Amino acid sequence: MSARVGLYEHDMNYLAHLYFSDLTPDSCVGQLLPDCMPPRALPEHINPELALHIRLHQFIDRFTDQHDEVIALRQRFEPPYRRFAGVLIDVFFDHVLARDWSDWHHEPIEAFSTQVYTALEQYQGPENERLQALRLALITHRWLPGYAYPLGMQRALEGLNRRSRFDTPLAQAHTLLPELYPELAERFSRFFPALCEAVHTERSKLS
């Protein structure tokens, strides 16, 4: 959702984006694809459902980066984490969403995740190596429910660090969660309903 500092533009906040999919192959991939493939690399004519969810992904990113709760939360990160605050908020918000999943979705997160993995397996549209690798990793490792747990966060952040173009402190950033979690949860509880409403409105405009 946020500016990436020296990082490959994926491995950030899969769960939040997939929440807004329709659990179909094109909608799930559309919610992931902009972090793996620039829009200019896509074929000129693509499935309308894929195109819709690509645009929704981009809208979600813009809305998140400009929201007051996110802007305020960035200031809570001290060096050496400050420059990675946007990335960390993305990951930590997925943690909050996963922990409180039943507050936001009618299906258990395990059932939702299984539908995502099935959709990703069935996808047959355009992709590059990065998107293919991401699909296979999500299907193979079944990460999404694990975001609810500290170990899942630790693994996600260690993965981000490994994929960075330079050394980062991200592998240790999971240690920030115990202190930050109350504020993260409070700010997320105000941010996420606003995001849901905004996505609903934007989707109506795009459909």
Protein backbone atom coordinates (compact mmCIF):
# COMPACT_ATOMS: atom_id res chain seq x y z
CA MET A 1 0.00 0.00 0.00
CA SER A 2 2.84 2.36 0.62
CA ALA A 3 6.10 3.56 -0.85
CA ARG A 4 8.69 0.81 -1.00
CA VAL A 5 12.21 1.70 0.04
CA GLY A 6 14.62 -0.51 -1.87
CA LEU A 7 12.26 -3.47 -1.75
CA TYR A 8 10.72 -5.57 -4.43
CA GLU A 9 7.16 -4.37 -4.70
CA HIS A 10 5.47 -7.41 -3.27
CA ASP A 11 5.36 -9.41 -0.04
CA MET A 12 3.54 -6.55 1.68
CA ASN A 13 -0.14 -6.82 2.49
CA TYR A 14 -1.66 -9.71 0.59
CA LEU A 15 -4.52 -10.28 3.01
CA ALA A 16 -5.92 -6.75 2.90
CA HIS A 17 -5.90 -6.69 -0.89
CA LEU A 18 -7.37 -10.18 -1.24
CA TYR A 19 -10.13 -9.21 1.19
CA PHE A 20 -11.48 -6.98 -1.59
CA SER A 21 -11.37 -9.69 -4.26
CA ASP A 22 -14.39 -11.70 -5.36
CA LEU A 23 -12.49 -14.97 -4.74
CA THR A 24 -12.32 -15.64 -8.47
CA PRO A 25 -9.05 -16.23 -10.35
CA ASP A 26 -9.01 -12.85 -12.10
CA SER A 27 -10.12 -10.84 -9.07
CA CYS A 28 -7.56 -12.44 -6.75
CA VAL A 29 -4.72 -11.96 -9.21
CA GLY A 30 -5.88 -8.43 -10.00
CA GLN A 31 -5.49 -7.58 -6.31
CA LEU A 32 -1.89 -8.89 -6.37
CA LEU A 33 -0.65 -8.11 -9.85
CA PRO A 34 0.23 -4.38 -9.54
CA ASP A 35 2.92 -5.24 -6.97
CA CYS A 36 4.49 -7.74 -9.37
CA MET A 37 4.02 -6.36 -12.86
CA PRO A 38 3.78 -2.71 -14.01
CA PRO A 39 0.50 -1.96 -15.82
CA ARG A 40 2.41 -0.99 -18.97
CA ALA A 41 3.67 -4.58 -19.20
CA LEU A 42 0.14 -5.96 -19.50
CA PRO A 43 -1.44 -6.84 -22.84
CA GLU A 44 -3.57 -4.07 -24.32
CA HIS A 45 -6.79 -6.04 -23.91
CA ILE A 46 -7.30 -7.95 -20.66
CA ASN A 47 -10.26 -9.51 -18.91
CA PRO A 48 -12.55 -6.75 -17.54
CA GLU A 49 -12.61 -8.41 -14.11
CA LEU A 50 -8.82 -8.48 -13.97
CA ALA A 51 -8.67 -4.84 -15.07
CA LEU A 52 -11.22 -3.81 -12.42
CA HIS A 53 -9.28 -5.37 -9.57
CA ILE A 54 -5.98 -3.95 -10.78
CA ARG A 55 -7.55 -0.50 -10.57
CA LEU A 56 -9.04 -1.26 -7.17
CA HIS A 57 -5.62 -2.37 -5.92
CA GLN A 58 -4.15 0.93 -7.05
CA PHE A 59 -7.00 2.85 -5.43
CA ILE A 60 -6.50 0.98 -2.15
CA ASP A 61 -2.80 1.90 -2.18
CA ARG A 62 -3.51 5.59 -2.76
CA PHE A 63 -6.28 5.76 -0.17
CA THR A 64 -4.14 4.04 2.45
CA ASP A 65 -1.09 6.22 1.94
CA GLN A 66 -3.20 9.38 2.26
CA HIS A 67 -5.32 8.37 5.25
CA ASP A 68 -4.85 10.34 8.47
CA GLU A 69 -4.56 7.22 10.65
CA VAL A 70 -1.73 5.86 8.52
CA ILE A 71 0.06 9.20 8.33
CA ALA A 72 -0.08 9.53 12.13
CA LEU A 73 1.07 5.96 12.64
CA ARG A 74 4.18 6.49 10.52
CA GLN A 75 5.45 8.94 13.11
CA ARG A 76 5.53 6.19 15.74
CA PHE A 77 8.44 4.44 14.07
CA GLU A 78 11.89 5.50 15.23
CA PRO A 79 15.18 4.94 13.37
CA PRO A 80 16.23 2.53 11.98
CA TYR A 81 12.61 1.62 11.20
CA ARG A 82 11.33 5.09 10.26
CA ARG A 83 12.21 4.85 6.58
CA PHE A 84 10.39 1.50 6.39
CA ALA A 85 7.30 2.70 8.26
CA GLY A 86 4.98 2.38 5.27
CA VAL A 87 6.04 -1.19 4.61
CA LEU A 88 5.72 -2.11 8.28
CA ILE A 89 2.26 -0.60 8.56
CA ASP A 90 1.17 -2.69 5.58
CA VAL A 91 2.42 -5.88 7.20
CA PHE A 92 1.21 -5.02 10.70
CA PHE A 93 -2.26 -4.07 9.46
CA ASP A 94 -2.49 -7.52 7.85
CA HIS A 95 -1.67 -8.91 11.30
CA VAL A 96 -4.50 -6.93 12.89
CA LEU A 97 -6.90 -7.93 10.11
CA ALA A 98 -6.01 -11.60 10.49
CA ARG A 99 -6.32 -11.54 14.29
CA ASP A 100 -9.70 -9.82 14.19
CA TRP A 101 -10.87 -11.48 10.97
CA SER A 102 -14.27 -12.49 12.34
CA ASP A 103 -15.05 -8.80 12.96
CA TRP A 104 -14.70 -8.06 9.25
CA HIS A 105 -15.68 -11.17 7.30
CA HIS A 106 -18.49 -13.70 7.61
CA GLU A 107 -16.29 -16.70 6.73
CA PRO A 108 -13.49 -18.09 8.89
CA ILE A 109 -10.08 -17.03 7.64
CA GLU A 110 -9.12 -20.63 6.89
CA ALA A 111 -12.13 -21.07 4.57
CA PHE A 112 -11.50 -17.71 2.92
CA SER A 113 -7.83 -18.55 2.41
CA THR A 114 -8.63 -21.93 0.86
CA GLN A 115 -10.85 -20.19 -1.69
CA VAL A 116 -8.03 -17.76 -2.47
CA TYR A 117 -5.55 -20.60 -3.04
CA THR A 118 -8.01 -22.39 -5.33
CA ALA A 119 -8.57 -19.22 -7.33
CA LEU A 120 -4.83 -18.62 -7.67
CA GLU A 121 -4.33 -22.20 -8.88
CA GLN A 122 -7.00 -21.72 -11.54
CA TYR A 123 -5.68 -18.41 -12.91
CA GLN A 124 -4.75 -18.57 -16.61
CA GLY A 125 -4.21 -14.92 -17.52
CA PRO A 126 -1.08 -12.82 -18.16
CA GLU A 127 1.75 -13.04 -15.66
CA ASN A 128 5.50 -12.66 -15.30
CA GLU A 129 7.98 -14.65 -13.22
CA ARG A 130 7.36 -12.58 -10.10
CA LEU A 131 3.61 -13.06 -10.18
CA GLN A 132 4.01 -16.76 -10.91
CA ALA A 133 6.41 -17.11 -7.98
CA LEU A 134 4.03 -15.24 -5.68
CA ARG A 135 1.06 -17.40 -6.68
CA LEU A 136 3.04 -20.57 -6.13
CA ALA A 137 4.39 -19.36 -2.78
CA LEU A 138 0.95 -18.44 -1.47
CA ILE A 139 -0.49 -21.77 -2.60
CA THR A 140 2.42 -23.84 -1.30
CA HIS A 141 3.06 -22.15 2.04
CA ARG A 142 -0.53 -21.06 2.79
CA TRP A 143 0.60 -17.92 4.55
CA LEU A 144 -2.63 -16.01 5.03
CA PRO A 145 -4.01 -17.47 8.30
CA GLY A 146 -0.51 -17.35 9.77
CA TYR A 147 -0.54 -13.56 9.66
CA ALA A 148 -2.60 -13.68 12.85
CA TYR A 149 0.36 -15.00 14.84
CA PRO A 150 3.71 -13.47 15.87
CA LEU A 151 5.62 -16.26 14.14
CA GLY A 152 3.77 -15.55 10.91
CA MET A 153 4.75 -11.91 11.16
CA GLN A 154 8.35 -12.83 11.90
CA ARG A 155 8.51 -15.04 8.83
CA ALA A 156 6.89 -12.40 6.63
CA LEU A 157 9.36 -9.74 7.74
CA GLU A 158 12.34 -12.06 7.39
CA GLY A 159 11.16 -12.77 3.85
CA LEU A 160 10.96 -9.05 3.12
CA ASN A 161 14.49 -8.59 4.40
CA ARG A 162 15.82 -11.42 2.22
CA ARG A 163 14.23 -9.89 -0.85
CA SER A 164 15.49 -6.39 -0.16
CA ARG A 165 18.01 -4.83 -2.50
CA PHE A 166 20.12 -3.81 0.52
CA ASP A 167 20.47 -4.58 4.21
CA THR A 168 17.44 -3.63 6.29
CA PRO A 169 16.33 -4.00 9.92
CA LEU A 170 13.07 -5.64 8.83
CA ALA A 171 13.98 -9.11 10.09
CA GLN A 172 13.89 -7.73 13.65
CA ALA A 173 10.82 -5.54 13.20
CA HIS A 174 8.44 -8.14 14.63
CA THR A 175 9.82 -7.17 18.05
CA LEU A 176 7.96 -3.85 17.70
CA LEU A 177 4.55 -5.54 17.68
CA PRO A 178 3.94 -6.02 21.43
CA GLU A 179 4.39 -2.32 22.17
CA LEU A 180 2.67 -1.02 19.03
CA TYR A 181 -0.22 -3.46 18.84
CA PRO A 182 -2.77 -1.53 20.97
CA GLU A 183 -2.31 1.59 18.85
CA LEU A 184 -2.23 -0.42 15.61
CA ALA A 185 -5.51 -2.10 16.49
CA GLU A 186 -7.16 1.16 17.50
CA ARG A 187 -6.10 3.00 14.37
CA PHE A 188 -6.99 0.03 12.16
CA SER A 189 -10.49 -0.05 13.66
CA ARG A 190 -11.01 3.50 12.38
CA PHE A 191 -9.11 3.11 9.11
CA PHE A 192 -10.53 -0.14 7.77
CA PRO A 193 -14.24 0.80 7.77
CA ALA A 194 -13.32 3.97 5.89
CA LEU A 195 -11.34 1.90 3.39
CA CYS A 196 -14.23 -0.53 2.90
CA GLU A 197 -16.65 2.31 2.24
CA ALA A 198 -14.22 4.01 -0.14
CA VAL A 199 -13.59 0.80 -2.09
CA HIS A 200 -17.34 0.19 -2.39
CA THR A 201 -17.82 3.69 -3.80
CA GLU A 202 -14.86 3.42 -6.16
CA ARG A 203 -16.00 0.03 -7.41
CA SER A 204 -19.43 1.47 -8.24
CA LYS A 205 -17.73 4.15 -10.32
CA LEU A 206 -15.51 1.67 -12.15
CA SER A 207 -18.11 -1.03 -12.80
